[in-house]
Amino acid sequence: MKTAVIQQPPVFLDLERSMARAVELVAEAARQGAKLVVFPEA
């Protein structure tokens, strides 16, 4: 199983843009074949 670890900061004081960024990052990891995606700082 392919796993992705994402270490990207949130958008400072902007929940909506932070969530959009997280969704984009998870989608990119999935396109590259990841079946499990983790954000270790979360």
PDB file of N, CA and C in Angstrom:
ATOM      1  N   MET A   1       0.858  -1.168   0.000  1.00  0.00           N
ATOM      2  CA  MET A   1       0.000   0.000   0.000  1.00  0.00           C
ATOM      3  C   MET A   1       0.902   1.229   0.000  1.00  0.00           C
ATOM      4  N   LYS A   2       0.578   2.178  -0.853  1.00  0.00           N
ATOM      5  CA  LYS A   2       1.331   3.424  -0.926  1.00  0.00           C
ATOM      6  C   LYS A   2       0.757   4.424   0.076  1.00  0.00           C
ATOM      7  N   THR A   3       1.650   5.025   0.851  1.00  0.00           N
ATOM      8  CA  THR A   3       1.265   5.999   1.875  1.00  0.00           C
ATOM      9  C   THR A   3       1.903   7.341   1.561  1.00  0.00           C
ATOM     10  N   ALA A   4       1.186   8.422   1.821  1.00  0.00           N
ATOM     11  CA  ALA A   4       1.709   9.772   1.619  1.00  0.00           C
ATOM     12  C   ALA A   4       1.721  10.504   2.954  1.00  0.00           C
ATOM     13  N   VAL A   5       2.808  11.209   3.214  1.00  0.00           N
ATOM     14  CA  VAL A   5       2.916  12.073   4.381  1.00  0.00           C
ATOM     15  C   VAL A   5       2.955  13.506   3.864  1.00  0.00           C
ATOM     16  N   ILE A   6       2.014  14.317   4.297  1.00  0.00           N
ATOM     17  CA  ILE A   6       1.927  15.695   3.823  1.00  0.00           C
ATOM     18  C   ILE A   6       2.336  16.629   4.954  1.00  0.00           C
ATOM     19  N   GLN A   7       3.328  17.443   4.675  1.00  0.00           N
ATOM     20  CA  GLN A   7       3.804  18.415   5.656  1.00  0.00           C
ATOM     21  C   GLN A   7       3.761  19.797   5.021  1.00  0.00           C
ATOM     22  N   GLN A   8       2.602  20.384   5.070  1.00  0.00           N
ATOM     23  CA  GLN A   8       2.390  21.720   4.518  1.00  0.00           C
ATOM     24  C   GLN A   8       1.686  22.559   5.581  1.00  0.00           C
ATOM     25  N   PRO A   9       2.075  23.813   5.719  1.00  0.00           N
ATOM     26  CA  PRO A   9       1.424  24.660   6.726  1.00  0.00           C
ATOM     27  C   PRO A   9       0.032  25.090   6.263  1.00  0.00           C
ATOM     28  N   PRO A  10      -0.848  25.406   7.207  1.00  0.00           N
ATOM     29  CA  PRO A  10      -2.152  25.957   6.827  1.00  0.00           C
ATOM     30  C   PRO A  10      -1.978  27.396   6.340  1.00  0.00           C
ATOM     31  N   VAL A  11      -3.028  27.929   5.740  1.00  0.00           N
ATOM     32  CA  VAL A  11      -3.029  29.340   5.358  1.00  0.00           C
ATOM     33  C   VAL A  11      -3.316  30.126   6.639  1.00  0.00           C
ATOM     34  N   PHE A  12      -2.431  31.010   7.005  1.00  0.00           N
ATOM     35  CA  PHE A  12      -2.510  31.730   8.277  1.00  0.00           C
ATOM     36  C   PHE A  12      -3.864  32.423   8.449  1.00  0.00           C
ATOM     37  N   LEU A  13      -4.560  32.057   9.516  1.00  0.00           N
ATOM     38  CA  LEU A  13      -5.846  32.638   9.916  1.00  0.00           C
ATOM     39  C   LEU A  13      -6.922  32.572   8.837  1.00  0.00           C
ATOM     40  N   ASP A  14      -6.908  31.524   8.023  1.00  0.00           N
ATOM     41  CA  ASP A  14      -7.916  31.384   6.972  1.00  0.00           C
ATOM     42  C   ASP A  14      -8.326  29.911   6.875  1.00  0.00           C
ATOM     43  N   LEU A  15      -9.340  29.552   7.627  1.00  0.00           N
ATOM     44  CA  LEU A  15      -9.790  28.157   7.683  1.00  0.00           C
ATOM     45  C   LEU A  15     -10.252  27.660   6.321  1.00  0.00           C
ATOM     46  N   GLU A  16     -11.028  28.453   5.606  1.00  0.00           N
ATOM     47  CA  GLU A  16     -11.565  28.022   4.315  1.00  0.00           C
ATOM     48  C   GLU A  16     -10.437  27.718   3.318  1.00  0.00           C
ATOM     49  N   ARG A  17      -9.465  28.597   3.215  1.00  0.00           N
ATOM     50  CA  ARG A  17      -8.349  28.356   2.292  1.00  0.00           C
ATOM     51  C   ARG A  17      -7.460  27.218   2.780  1.00  0.00           C
ATOM     52  N   SER A  18      -7.327  27.069   4.098  1.00  0.00           N
ATOM     53  CA  SER A  18      -6.542  25.959   4.645  1.00  0.00           C
ATOM     54  C   SER A  18      -7.175  24.618   4.282  1.00  0.00           C
ATOM     55  N   MET A  19      -8.494  24.533   4.403  1.00  0.00           N
ATOM     56  CA  MET A  19      -9.191  23.296   4.065  1.00  0.00           C
ATOM     57  C   MET A  19      -9.108  23.013   2.567  1.00  0.00           C
ATOM     58  N   ALA A  20      -9.225  24.058   1.751  1.00  0.00           N
ATOM     59  CA  ALA A  20      -9.105  23.887   0.302  1.00  0.00           C
ATOM     60  C   ALA A  20      -7.710  23.372  -0.052  1.00  0.00           C
ATOM     61  N   ARG A  21      -6.698  23.888   0.601  1.00  0.00           N
ATOM     62  CA  ARG A  21      -5.326  23.430   0.370  1.00  0.00           C
ATOM     63  C   ARG A  21      -5.187  21.959   0.760  1.00  0.00           C
ATOM     64  N   ALA A  22      -5.754  21.590   1.897  1.00  0.00           N
ATOM     65  CA  ALA A  22      -5.672  20.196   2.347  1.00  0.00           C
ATOM     66  C   ALA A  22      -6.358  19.264   1.359  1.00  0.00           C
ATOM     67  N   VAL A  23      -7.512  19.649   0.858  1.00  0.00           N
ATOM     68  CA  VAL A  23      -8.237  18.833  -0.117  1.00  0.00           C
ATOM     69  C   VAL A  23      -7.401  18.673  -1.387  1.00  0.00           C
ATOM     70  N   GLU A  24      -6.789  19.748  -1.850  1.00  0.00           N
ATOM     71  CA  GLU A  24      -5.946  19.684  -3.050  1.00  0.00           C
ATOM     72  C   GLU A  24      -4.761  18.746  -2.833  1.00  0.00           C
ATOM     73  N   LEU A  25      -4.138  18.829  -1.664  1.00  0.00           N
ATOM     74  CA  LEU A  25      -2.975  17.986  -1.373  1.00  0.00           C
ATOM     75  C   LEU A  25      -3.354  16.510  -1.294  1.00  0.00           C
ATOM     76  N   VAL A  26      -4.493  16.207  -0.699  1.00  0.00           N
ATOM     77  CA  VAL A  26      -4.955  14.821  -0.615  1.00  0.00           C
ATOM     78  C   VAL A  26      -5.283  14.314  -2.015  1.00  0.00           C
ATOM     79  N   ALA A  27      -5.933  15.145  -2.828  1.00  0.00           N
ATOM     80  CA  ALA A  27      -6.265  14.740  -4.193  1.00  0.00           C
ATOM     81  C   ALA A  27      -4.999  14.447  -4.999  1.00  0.00           C
ATOM     82  N   GLU A  28      -3.983  15.271  -4.860  1.00  0.00           N
ATOM     83  CA  GLU A  28      -2.719  15.047  -5.569  1.00  0.00           C
ATOM     84  C   GLU A  28      -2.065  13.741  -5.121  1.00  0.00           C
ATOM     85  N   ALA A  29      -2.073  13.481  -3.836  1.00  0.00           N
ATOM     86  CA  ALA A  29      -1.505  12.230  -3.328  1.00  0.00           C
ATOM     87  C   ALA A  29      -2.280  11.034  -3.890  1.00  0.00           C
ATOM     88  N   ALA A  30      -3.594  11.143  -3.961  1.00  0.00           N
ATOM     89  CA  ALA A  30      -4.411  10.053  -4.507  1.00  0.00           C
ATOM     90  C   ALA A  30      -4.108   9.838  -5.982  1.00  0.00           C
ATOM     91  N   ARG A  31      -3.929  10.920  -6.731  1.00  0.00           N
ATOM     92  CA  ARG A  31      -3.584  10.783  -8.147  1.00  0.00           C
ATOM     93  C   ARG A  31      -2.263  10.045  -8.333  1.00  0.00           C
ATOM     94  N   GLN A  32      -1.389  10.184  -7.352  1.00  0.00           N
ATOM     95  CA  GLN A  32      -0.088   9.520  -7.429  1.00  0.00           C
ATOM     96  C   GLN A  32      -0.131   8.112  -6.822  1.00  0.00           C
ATOM     97  N   GLY A  33      -1.324   7.651  -6.460  1.00  0.00           N
ATOM     98  CA  GLY A  33      -1.489   6.271  -6.016  1.00  0.00           C
ATOM     99  C   GLY A  33      -1.540   6.039  -4.518  1.00  0.00           C
ATOM    100  N   ALA A  34      -1.543   7.093  -3.716  1.00  0.00           N
ATOM    101  CA  ALA A  34      -1.600   6.918  -2.259  1.00  0.00           C
ATOM    102  C   ALA A  34      -2.967   6.398  -1.842  1.00  0.00           C
ATOM    103  N   LYS A  35      -2.960   5.397  -0.974  1.00  0.00           N
ATOM    104  CA  LYS A  35      -4.188   4.846  -0.413  1.00  0.00           C
ATOM    105  C   LYS A  35      -4.411   5.337   1.013  1.00  0.00           C
ATOM    106  N   LEU A  36      -3.332   5.826   1.635  1.00  0.00           N
ATOM    107  CA  LEU A  36      -3.387   6.378   2.981  1.00  0.00           C
ATOM    108  C   LEU A  36      -2.624   7.686   2.975  1.00  0.00           C
ATOM    109  N   VAL A  37      -3.245   8.756   3.472  1.00  0.00           N
ATOM    110  CA  VAL A  37      -2.622  10.082   3.516  1.00  0.00           C
ATOM    111  C   VAL A  37      -2.664  10.562   4.953  1.00  0.00           C
ATOM    112  N   VAL A  38      -1.516  11.015   5.467  1.00  0.00           N
ATOM    113  CA  VAL A  38      -1.462  11.504   6.842  1.00  0.00           C
ATOM    114  C   VAL A  38      -0.864  12.903   6.898  1.00  0.00           C
ATOM    115  N   PHE A  39      -1.317  13.680   7.859  1.00  0.00           N
ATOM    116  CA  PHE A  39      -0.782  14.996   8.176  1.00  0.00           C
ATOM    117  C   PHE A  39      -0.203  14.861   9.591  1.00  0.00           C
ATOM    118  N   PRO A  40       1.089  14.563   9.739  1.00  0.00           N
ATOM    119  CA  PRO A  40       1.642  14.219  11.044  1.00  0.00           C
ATOM    120  C   PRO A  40       1.549  15.315  12.091  1.00  0.00           C
ATOM    121  N   GLU A  41       1.472  16.575  11.712  1.00  0.00           N
ATOM    122  CA  GLU A  41       1.404  17.644  12.713  1.00  0.00           C
ATOM    123  C   GLU A  41      -0.007  17.846  13.235  1.00  0.00           C
ATOM    124  N   ALA A  42      -0.986  17.296  12.529  1.00  0.00           N
ATOM    125  CA  ALA A  42      -2.393  17.551  12.900  1.00  0.00           C
ATOM    126  C   ALA A  42      -2.776  16.772  14.137  1.00  0.00           C
TER     127      ALA A  42
END
